[in-house]
Amino acid sequence: MLKFIWVILAISILNPLLYLISFGLGVGTLISSHMGSHGIDGVSYLTFIAPALLASSAIQNAMDEAIFPTLDGFKWGKQFFGMNATPQSGNTIAGGVFLALMVRTVLGVSIYSLILYLFGAMSSAHAYLAIPIAVLAGASFGAVIMALAASVDNEDLFLTMIGRFLIGPMFLFSGTFYPLNSLPIGLRFIGWISPLWHATELGRYATYGHRISGTMAAVHFLVLLVMLVIGLFFTFRNYSRRLAK
């Protein structure tokens, strides 16, 4: 990770920054010209999508840091097997990879939230709460992806499936660019099971007071927490089992 720190930071920041400029400012200008400055959920379009972009940035950073070090350690460079020949256990190795994942996620989210603040998209008194919410989303998704990556044999198929059938639909159908209830009922389930939607709902509540009940706020938080716990359980198990072969 440290070897490619500047590349990682550039990818972590420039990619979501392009989304912010193209959608938040570009598309947002068109929406404001037709619906006014308070056309979506009572706020500007930039303010509306900012929590979703922050959470999606965290998820993307966590996914990259979960997949490639894991595949490198088990398949490409096989460094994990050498580490396992020392007193380091599978759990220790998995914990180190997850710690690196968290460092990258926290760093990326912190910098991106500062950019959102400078653009005026996170100016409320409680907007800072969107930062730990996004980090939790990244950690939850990253833990699940780590568990999956530690168990695959065909990495090419795995990467294709993740990109086409997980990341793409989650990004498009989790209420990122429009309210989830504007989708046909048959597509809303993608958001319901997506960590991005749960984090986005909590982030919008924190940044501009998006109206959700206390029960739903608890549900959103618990879904992310349960995903994190389950993901870590299978991550540690899969790392240890694979290294024991």
C-alpha atoms as a PDB file:
ATOM      1  CA  MET A   1       0.000   0.000   0.000  1.00  0.00           C
ATOM      2  CA  LEU A   2       2.734   2.489   0.992  1.00  0.00           C
ATOM      3  CA  LYS A   3       4.606   1.782  -2.245  1.00  0.00           C
ATOM      4  CA  PHE A   4       1.731   3.179  -4.296  1.00  0.00           C
ATOM      5  CA  ILE A   5       0.460   5.780  -1.831  1.00  0.00           C
ATOM      6  CA  TRP A   6       0.350   8.674  -4.318  1.00  0.00           C
ATOM      7  CA  VAL A   7      -1.369   6.590  -6.980  1.00  0.00           C
ATOM      8  CA  ILE A   8      -3.878   5.368  -4.401  1.00  0.00           C
ATOM      9  CA  LEU A   9      -4.593   8.897  -3.204  1.00  0.00           C
ATOM     10  CA  ALA A  10      -5.015  10.162  -6.761  1.00  0.00           C
ATOM     11  CA  ILE A  11      -7.475   7.405  -7.647  1.00  0.00           C
ATOM     12  CA  SER A  12      -9.290   7.750  -4.333  1.00  0.00           C
ATOM     13  CA  ILE A  13      -9.827  11.483  -4.796  1.00  0.00           C
ATOM     14  CA  LEU A  14      -9.936  12.179  -8.540  1.00  0.00           C
ATOM     15  CA  ASN A  15     -12.533   9.543  -9.398  1.00  0.00           C
ATOM     16  CA  PRO A  16     -15.196  10.772  -6.939  1.00  0.00           C
ATOM     17  CA  LEU A  17     -14.208  14.380  -7.673  1.00  0.00           C
ATOM     18  CA  LEU A  18     -15.098  13.848 -11.326  1.00  0.00           C
ATOM     19  CA  TYR A  19     -18.485  12.480 -10.272  1.00  0.00           C
ATOM     20  CA  LEU A  20     -18.959  15.494  -8.022  1.00  0.00           C
ATOM     21  CA  ILE A  21     -18.222  17.953 -10.827  1.00  0.00           C
ATOM     22  CA  SER A  22     -20.123  16.137 -13.578  1.00  0.00           C
ATOM     23  CA  PHE A  23     -23.225  15.189 -11.599  1.00  0.00           C
ATOM     24  CA  GLY A  24     -23.286  17.567  -8.652  1.00  0.00           C
ATOM     25  CA  LEU A  25     -22.474  20.677 -10.652  1.00  0.00           C
ATOM     26  CA  GLY A  26     -23.222  19.695 -14.247  1.00  0.00           C
ATOM     27  CA  VAL A  27     -26.445  17.731 -13.879  1.00  0.00           C
ATOM     28  CA  GLY A  28     -27.286  19.733 -10.764  1.00  0.00           C
ATOM     29  CA  THR A  29     -27.360  22.942 -12.790  1.00  0.00           C
ATOM     30  CA  LEU A  30     -29.863  21.431 -15.219  1.00  0.00           C
ATOM     31  CA  ILE A  31     -32.054  20.146 -12.399  1.00  0.00           C
ATOM     32  CA  SER A  32     -31.975  23.480 -10.591  1.00  0.00           C
ATOM     33  CA  SER A  33     -32.952  25.322 -13.775  1.00  0.00           C
ATOM     34  CA  HIS A  34     -36.103  23.206 -14.039  1.00  0.00           C
ATOM     35  CA  MET A  35     -36.981  22.510 -10.403  1.00  0.00           C
ATOM     36  CA  GLY A  36     -35.369  25.371  -8.496  1.00  0.00           C
ATOM     37  CA  SER A  37     -32.651  25.248  -5.864  1.00  0.00           C
ATOM     38  CA  HIS A  38     -34.750  23.083  -3.522  1.00  0.00           C
ATOM     39  CA  GLY A  39     -36.107  20.624  -6.028  1.00  0.00           C
ATOM     40  CA  ILE A  40     -35.025  17.270  -4.546  1.00  0.00           C
ATOM     41  CA  ASP A  41     -35.747  16.489  -0.912  1.00  0.00           C
ATOM     42  CA  GLY A  42     -35.852  20.225  -0.220  1.00  0.00           C
ATOM     43  CA  VAL A  43     -32.159  20.818  -0.980  1.00  0.00           C
ATOM     44  CA  SER A  44     -29.923  21.463  -3.973  1.00  0.00           C
ATOM     45  CA  TYR A  45     -28.945  18.500  -6.105  1.00  0.00           C
ATOM     46  CA  LEU A  46     -25.314  18.823  -5.016  1.00  0.00           C
ATOM     47  CA  THR A  47     -26.341  18.592  -1.369  1.00  0.00           C
ATOM     48  CA  PHE A  48     -28.628  15.662  -2.178  1.00  0.00           C
ATOM     49  CA  ILE A  49     -25.975  13.492  -3.835  1.00  0.00           C
ATOM     50  CA  ALA A  50     -23.019  14.491  -1.617  1.00  0.00           C
ATOM     51  CA  PRO A  51     -23.632  11.855   1.121  1.00  0.00           C
ATOM     52  CA  ALA A  52     -24.111   9.177  -1.542  1.00  0.00           C
ATOM     53  CA  LEU A  53     -20.881  10.136  -3.301  1.00  0.00           C
ATOM     54  CA  LEU A  54     -19.034  10.092   0.022  1.00  0.00           C
ATOM     55  CA  ALA A  55     -20.342   6.620   0.868  1.00  0.00           C
ATOM     56  CA  SER A  56     -19.679   5.287  -2.633  1.00  0.00           C
ATOM     57  CA  SER A  57     -16.131   6.632  -2.445  1.00  0.00           C
ATOM     58  CA  ALA A  58     -15.603   4.764   0.827  1.00  0.00           C
ATOM     59  CA  ILE A  59     -17.019   1.567  -0.656  1.00  0.00           C
ATOM     60  CA  GLN A  60     -14.840   1.830  -3.761  1.00  0.00           C
ATOM     61  CA  ASN A  61     -11.682   2.459  -1.738  1.00  0.00           C
ATOM     62  CA  ALA A  62     -12.462  -0.414   0.606  1.00  0.00           C
ATOM     63  CA  MET A  63     -13.236  -2.771  -2.263  1.00  0.00           C
ATOM     64  CA  ASP A  64      -9.934  -2.046  -4.022  1.00  0.00           C
ATOM     65  CA  GLU A  65      -7.971  -2.546  -0.815  1.00  0.00           C
ATOM     66  CA  ALA A  66      -9.884  -5.757  -0.064  1.00  0.00           C
ATOM     67  CA  ILE A  67      -9.573  -7.416  -3.466  1.00  0.00           C
ATOM     68  CA  PHE A  68      -6.093  -6.756  -4.805  1.00  0.00           C
ATOM     69  CA  PRO A  69      -3.944  -7.348  -1.688  1.00  0.00           C
ATOM     70  CA  THR A  70      -5.936 -10.528  -1.008  1.00  0.00           C
ATOM     71  CA  LEU A  71      -5.568 -11.862  -4.547  1.00  0.00           C
ATOM     72  CA  ASP A  72      -1.903 -10.884  -4.569  1.00  0.00           C
ATOM     73  CA  GLY A  73      -1.272 -12.609  -1.256  1.00  0.00           C
ATOM     74  CA  PHE A  74      -2.997 -15.846  -2.235  1.00  0.00           C
ATOM     75  CA  LYS A  75      -2.704 -16.065  -6.026  1.00  0.00           C
ATOM     76  CA  TRP A  76      -0.264 -13.696  -7.714  1.00  0.00           C
ATOM     77  CA  GLY A  77       2.646 -13.165  -5.321  1.00  0.00           C
ATOM     78  CA  LYS A  78       1.575 -15.725  -2.689  1.00  0.00           C
ATOM     79  CA  GLN A  79       3.218 -13.694   0.068  1.00  0.00           C
ATOM     80  CA  PHE A  80       0.650 -14.839   2.610  1.00  0.00           C
ATOM     81  CA  PHE A  81       1.993 -18.391   2.538  1.00  0.00           C
ATOM     82  CA  GLY A  82       5.464 -17.138   3.364  1.00  0.00           C
ATOM     83  CA  MET A  83       4.068 -15.013   6.183  1.00  0.00           C
ATOM     84  CA  ASN A  84       2.158 -18.014   7.479  1.00  0.00           C
ATOM     85  CA  ALA A  85       5.417 -19.971   7.738  1.00  0.00           C
ATOM     86  CA  THR A  86       6.391 -17.547  10.512  1.00  0.00           C
ATOM     87  CA  PRO A  87       4.491 -17.244  13.806  1.00  0.00           C
ATOM     88  CA  GLN A  88       1.904 -15.085  12.018  1.00  0.00           C
ATOM     89  CA  SER A  89      -1.464 -16.804  11.790  1.00  0.00           C
ATOM     90  CA  GLY A  90      -4.163 -16.456   9.167  1.00  0.00           C
ATOM     91  CA  ASN A  91      -6.147 -14.251  11.524  1.00  0.00           C
ATOM     92  CA  THR A  92      -3.167 -11.944  12.008  1.00  0.00           C
ATOM     93  CA  ILE A  93      -2.612 -11.619   8.264  1.00  0.00           C
ATOM     94  CA  ALA A  94      -6.307 -10.975   7.640  1.00  0.00           C
ATOM     95  CA  GLY A  95      -6.339  -8.396  10.412  1.00  0.00           C
ATOM     96  CA  GLY A  96      -3.391  -6.585   8.847  1.00  0.00           C
ATOM     97  CA  VAL A  97      -5.052  -6.446   5.439  1.00  0.00           C
ATOM     98  CA  PHE A  98      -8.262  -5.171   6.988  1.00  0.00           C
ATOM     99  CA  LEU A  99      -6.330  -2.536   8.955  1.00  0.00           C
ATOM    100  CA  ALA A 100      -4.755  -1.277   5.716  1.00  0.00           C
ATOM    101  CA  LEU A 101      -8.236  -1.224   4.193  1.00  0.00           C
ATOM    102  CA  MET A 102      -9.494   0.930   7.049  1.00  0.00           C
ATOM    103  CA  VAL A 103      -6.552   3.338   6.826  1.00  0.00           C
ATOM    104  CA  ARG A 104      -7.154   3.914   3.119  1.00  0.00           C
ATOM    105  CA  THR A 105     -10.904   4.263   3.618  1.00  0.00           C
ATOM    106  CA  VAL A 106     -10.605   6.755   6.471  1.00  0.00           C
ATOM    107  CA  LEU A 107      -7.992   8.788   4.594  1.00  0.00           C
ATOM    108  CA  GLY A 108     -10.002   8.873   1.377  1.00  0.00           C
ATOM    109  CA  VAL A 109     -13.268   9.733   3.109  1.00  0.00           C
ATOM    110  CA  SER A 110     -11.651  12.478   5.187  1.00  0.00           C
ATOM    111  CA  ILE A 111     -10.116  14.186   2.169  1.00  0.00           C
ATOM    112  CA  TYR A 112     -13.252  13.819   0.070  1.00  0.00           C
ATOM    113  CA  SER A 113     -15.459  15.193   2.838  1.00  0.00           C
ATOM    114  CA  LEU A 114     -13.207  18.260   2.953  1.00  0.00           C
ATOM    115  CA  ILE A 115     -13.708  18.717  -0.793  1.00  0.00           C
ATOM    116  CA  LEU A 116     -17.479  18.402  -0.354  1.00  0.00           C
ATOM    117  CA  TYR A 117     -17.332  20.994   2.411  1.00  0.00           C
ATOM    118  CA  LEU A 118     -15.421  23.410   0.187  1.00  0.00           C
ATOM    119  CA  PHE A 119     -18.093  22.940  -2.475  1.00  0.00           C
ATOM    120  CA  GLY A 120     -20.734  23.838   0.116  1.00  0.00           C
ATOM    121  CA  ALA A 121     -22.327  20.378   0.139  1.00  0.00           C
ATOM    122  CA  MET A 122     -21.612  19.600   3.817  1.00  0.00           C
ATOM    123  CA  SER A 123     -22.205  22.829   5.680  1.00  0.00           C
ATOM    124  CA  SER A 124     -24.695  21.781   8.373  1.00  0.00           C
ATOM    125  CA  ALA A 125     -23.704  21.452  12.016  1.00  0.00           C
ATOM    126  CA  HIS A 126     -23.984  17.648  11.995  1.00  0.00           C
ATOM    127  CA  ALA A 127     -22.549  17.002   8.536  1.00  0.00           C
ATOM    128  CA  TYR A 128     -19.361  15.581  10.067  1.00  0.00           C
ATOM    129  CA  LEU A 129     -21.381  12.510  11.106  1.00  0.00           C
ATOM    130  CA  ALA A 130     -21.473  11.499   7.452  1.00  0.00           C
ATOM    131  CA  ILE A 131     -17.760  10.669   7.742  1.00  0.00           C
ATOM    132  CA  PRO A 132     -18.021   7.745  10.224  1.00  0.00           C
ATOM    133  CA  ILE A 133     -21.177   6.596   8.442  1.00  0.00           C
ATOM    134  CA  ALA A 134     -19.302   6.358   5.134  1.00  0.00           C
ATOM    135  CA  VAL A 135     -16.354   4.648   6.833  1.00  0.00           C
ATOM    136  CA  LEU A 136     -18.721   2.066   8.343  1.00  0.00           C
ATOM    137  CA  ALA A 137     -20.193   1.404   4.894  1.00  0.00           C
ATOM    138  CA  GLY A 138     -16.724   0.925   3.440  1.00  0.00           C
ATOM    139  CA  ALA A 139     -15.665  -1.364   6.273  1.00  0.00           C
ATOM    140  CA  SER A 140     -18.835  -3.452   5.970  1.00  0.00           C
ATOM    141  CA  PHE A 141     -18.566  -3.901   2.226  1.00  0.00           C
ATOM    142  CA  GLY A 142     -14.806  -4.370   2.350  1.00  0.00           C
ATOM    143  CA  ALA A 143     -15.085  -7.150   4.928  1.00  0.00           C
ATOM    144  CA  VAL A 144     -17.548  -9.053   2.745  1.00  0.00           C
ATOM    145  CA  ILE A 145     -15.380  -8.614  -0.356  1.00  0.00           C
ATOM    146  CA  MET A 146     -12.281  -9.762   1.555  1.00  0.00           C
ATOM    147  CA  ALA A 147     -14.084 -12.945   2.545  1.00  0.00           C
ATOM    148  CA  LEU A 148     -15.102 -13.595  -1.053  1.00  0.00           C
ATOM    149  CA  ALA A 149     -11.671 -12.769  -2.490  1.00  0.00           C
ATOM    150  CA  ALA A 150     -10.003 -15.175  -0.056  1.00  0.00           C
ATOM    151  CA  SER A 151     -12.101 -18.055  -1.368  1.00  0.00           C
ATOM    152  CA  VAL A 152     -11.939 -17.624  -5.161  1.00  0.00           C
ATOM    153  CA  ASP A 153      -9.798 -19.635  -7.564  1.00  0.00           C
ATOM    154  CA  ASN A 154     -10.704 -17.865 -10.820  1.00  0.00           C
ATOM    155  CA  GLU A 155      -9.853 -14.240 -10.147  1.00  0.00           C
ATOM    156  CA  ASP A 156     -10.702 -13.048 -13.660  1.00  0.00           C
ATOM    157  CA  LEU A 157     -14.266 -14.313 -13.379  1.00  0.00           C
ATOM    158  CA  PHE A 158     -14.491 -12.947  -9.845  1.00  0.00           C
ATOM    159  CA  LEU A 159     -13.425  -9.440 -10.866  1.00  0.00           C
ATOM    160  CA  THR A 160     -15.823  -9.473 -13.812  1.00  0.00           C
ATOM    161  CA  MET A 161     -18.746 -10.598 -11.666  1.00  0.00           C
ATOM    162  CA  ILE A 162     -18.004  -8.007  -8.976  1.00  0.00           C
ATOM    163  CA  GLY A 163     -17.841  -5.169 -11.470  1.00  0.00           C
ATOM    164  CA  ARG A 164     -20.827  -6.062 -13.611  1.00  0.00           C
ATOM    165  CA  PHE A 165     -23.275  -7.589 -11.178  1.00  0.00           C
ATOM    166  CA  LEU A 166     -22.433  -5.942  -7.859  1.00  0.00           C
ATOM    167  CA  ILE A 167     -20.758  -2.539  -8.130  1.00  0.00           C
ATOM    168  CA  GLY A 168     -22.649  -1.320 -11.202  1.00  0.00           C
ATOM    169  CA  PRO A 169     -26.192  -2.130 -10.024  1.00  0.00           C
ATOM    170  CA  MET A 170     -25.432  -0.992  -6.479  1.00  0.00           C
ATOM    171  CA  PHE A 171     -24.148   2.376  -7.684  1.00  0.00           C
ATOM    172  CA  LEU A 172     -27.083   2.965 -10.034  1.00  0.00           C
ATOM    173  CA  PHE A 173     -29.982   1.587  -7.998  1.00  0.00           C
ATOM    174  CA  SER A 174     -29.212   2.613  -4.402  1.00  0.00           C
ATOM    175  CA  GLY A 175     -30.733   6.080  -4.467  1.00  0.00           C
ATOM    176  CA  THR A 176     -27.403   7.658  -5.316  1.00  0.00           C
ATOM    177  CA  PHE A 177     -28.612  10.126  -7.931  1.00  0.00           C
ATOM    178  CA  TYR A 178     -32.353  10.091  -7.247  1.00  0.00           C
ATOM    179  CA  PRO A 179     -34.668   8.947  -4.431  1.00  0.00           C
ATOM    180  CA  LEU A 180     -35.015   5.180  -4.248  1.00  0.00           C
ATOM    181  CA  ASN A 181     -38.811   5.393  -4.216  1.00  0.00           C
ATOM    182  CA  SER A 182     -38.710   6.866  -7.732  1.00  0.00           C
ATOM    183  CA  LEU A 183     -37.626   3.455  -9.046  1.00  0.00           C
ATOM    184  CA  PRO A 184     -40.096   0.722 -10.053  1.00  0.00           C
ATOM    185  CA  ILE A 185     -40.912  -1.478  -7.079  1.00  0.00           C
ATOM    186  CA  GLY A 186     -39.167  -4.417  -8.750  1.00  0.00           C
ATOM    187  CA  LEU A 187     -35.804  -2.626  -8.639  1.00  0.00           C
ATOM    188  CA  ARG A 188     -35.979  -1.145  -5.165  1.00  0.00           C
ATOM    189  CA  PHE A 189     -34.828  -4.366  -3.530  1.00  0.00           C
ATOM    190  CA  ILE A 190     -31.324  -3.655  -4.890  1.00  0.00           C
ATOM    191  CA  GLY A 191     -31.197  -0.596  -2.669  1.00  0.00           C
ATOM    192  CA  TRP A 192     -32.725  -2.392   0.293  1.00  0.00           C
ATOM    193  CA  ILE A 193     -29.893  -4.942   0.362  1.00  0.00           C
ATOM    194  CA  SER A 194     -27.183  -2.444  -0.589  1.00  0.00           C
ATOM    195  CA  PRO A 195     -24.823  -0.975   2.029  1.00  0.00           C
ATOM    196  CA  LEU A 196     -24.636   2.129  -0.156  1.00  0.00           C
ATOM    197  CA  TRP A 197     -28.345   2.904   0.252  1.00  0.00           C
ATOM    198  CA  HIS A 198     -28.296   2.399   4.023  1.00  0.00           C
ATOM    199  CA  ALA A 199     -25.224   4.628   4.382  1.00  0.00           C
ATOM    200  CA  THR A 200     -26.688   7.212   2.009  1.00  0.00           C
ATOM    201  CA  GLU A 201     -29.915   7.460   3.995  1.00  0.00           C
ATOM    202  CA  LEU A 202     -27.998   7.963   7.243  1.00  0.00           C
ATOM    203  CA  GLY A 203     -25.618  10.412   5.562  1.00  0.00           C
ATOM    204  CA  ARG A 204     -28.475  12.502   4.198  1.00  0.00           C
ATOM    205  CA  TYR A 205     -30.056  12.567   7.621  1.00  0.00           C
ATOM    206  CA  ALA A 206     -26.777  13.859   9.077  1.00  0.00           C
ATOM    207  CA  THR A 207     -25.946  16.405   6.384  1.00  0.00           C
ATOM    208  CA  TYR A 208     -29.279  18.118   5.781  1.00  0.00           C
ATOM    209  CA  GLY A 209     -31.925  16.517   7.978  1.00  0.00           C
ATOM    210  CA  HIS A 210     -33.401  14.025   5.513  1.00  0.00           C
ATOM    211  CA  ARG A 211     -36.585  12.772   7.131  1.00  0.00           C
ATOM    212  CA  ILE A 212     -36.338   9.193   8.383  1.00  0.00           C
ATOM    213  CA  SER A 213     -37.827   7.660  11.499  1.00  0.00           C
ATOM    214  CA  GLY A 214     -35.736   6.588  14.447  1.00  0.00           C
ATOM    215  CA  THR A 215     -36.644   2.986  13.690  1.00  0.00           C
ATOM    216  CA  MET A 216     -35.381   3.225  10.123  1.00  0.00           C
ATOM    217  CA  ALA A 217     -32.198   4.955  11.265  1.00  0.00           C
ATOM    218  CA  ALA A 218     -31.570   2.036  13.625  1.00  0.00           C
ATOM    219  CA  VAL A 219     -32.294  -0.451  10.828  1.00  0.00           C
ATOM    220  CA  HIS A 220     -29.822   1.277   8.499  1.00  0.00           C
ATOM    221  CA  PHE A 221     -27.117   1.213  11.164  1.00  0.00           C
ATOM    222  CA  LEU A 222     -27.778  -2.398  12.160  1.00  0.00           C
ATOM    223  CA  VAL A 223     -27.658  -3.616   8.562  1.00  0.00           C
ATOM    224  CA  LEU A 224     -24.198  -2.098   8.134  1.00  0.00           C
ATOM    225  CA  LEU A 225     -23.030  -3.424  11.499  1.00  0.00           C
ATOM    226  CA  VAL A 226     -24.310  -6.954  10.864  1.00  0.00           C
ATOM    227  CA  MET A 227     -22.687  -6.965   7.430  1.00  0.00           C
ATOM    228  CA  LEU A 228     -19.390  -5.935   9.025  1.00  0.00           C
ATOM    229  CA  VAL A 229     -19.531  -8.662  11.687  1.00  0.00           C
ATOM    230  CA  ILE A 230     -20.499 -11.399   9.229  1.00  0.00           C
ATOM    231  CA  GLY A 231     -17.915 -10.236   6.708  1.00  0.00           C
ATOM    232  CA  LEU A 232     -15.105 -10.273   9.274  1.00  0.00           C
ATOM    233  CA  PHE A 233     -16.143 -13.698  10.564  1.00  0.00           C
ATOM    234  CA  PHE A 234     -15.898 -15.255   7.112  1.00  0.00           C
ATOM    235  CA  THR A 235     -12.771 -13.261   6.266  1.00  0.00           C
ATOM    236  CA  PHE A 236     -10.853 -14.678   9.214  1.00  0.00           C
ATOM    237  CA  ARG A 237     -12.237 -18.156   8.555  1.00  0.00           C
ATOM    238  CA  ASN A 238     -11.442 -18.131   4.833  1.00  0.00           C
ATOM    239  CA  TYR A 239      -7.934 -16.746   5.324  1.00  0.00           C
ATOM    240  CA  SER A 240      -7.113 -19.394   7.926  1.00  0.00           C
ATOM    241  CA  ARG A 241      -8.611 -22.244   5.894  1.00  0.00           C
ATOM    242  CA  ARG A 242      -6.823 -21.292   2.712  1.00  0.00           C
ATOM    243  CA  LEU A 243      -3.468 -20.939   4.427  1.00  0.00           C
ATOM    244  CA  ALA A 244      -3.952 -24.328   6.080  1.00  0.00           C
ATOM    245  CA  LYS A 245      -4.215 -26.140   2.733  1.00  0.00           C
END
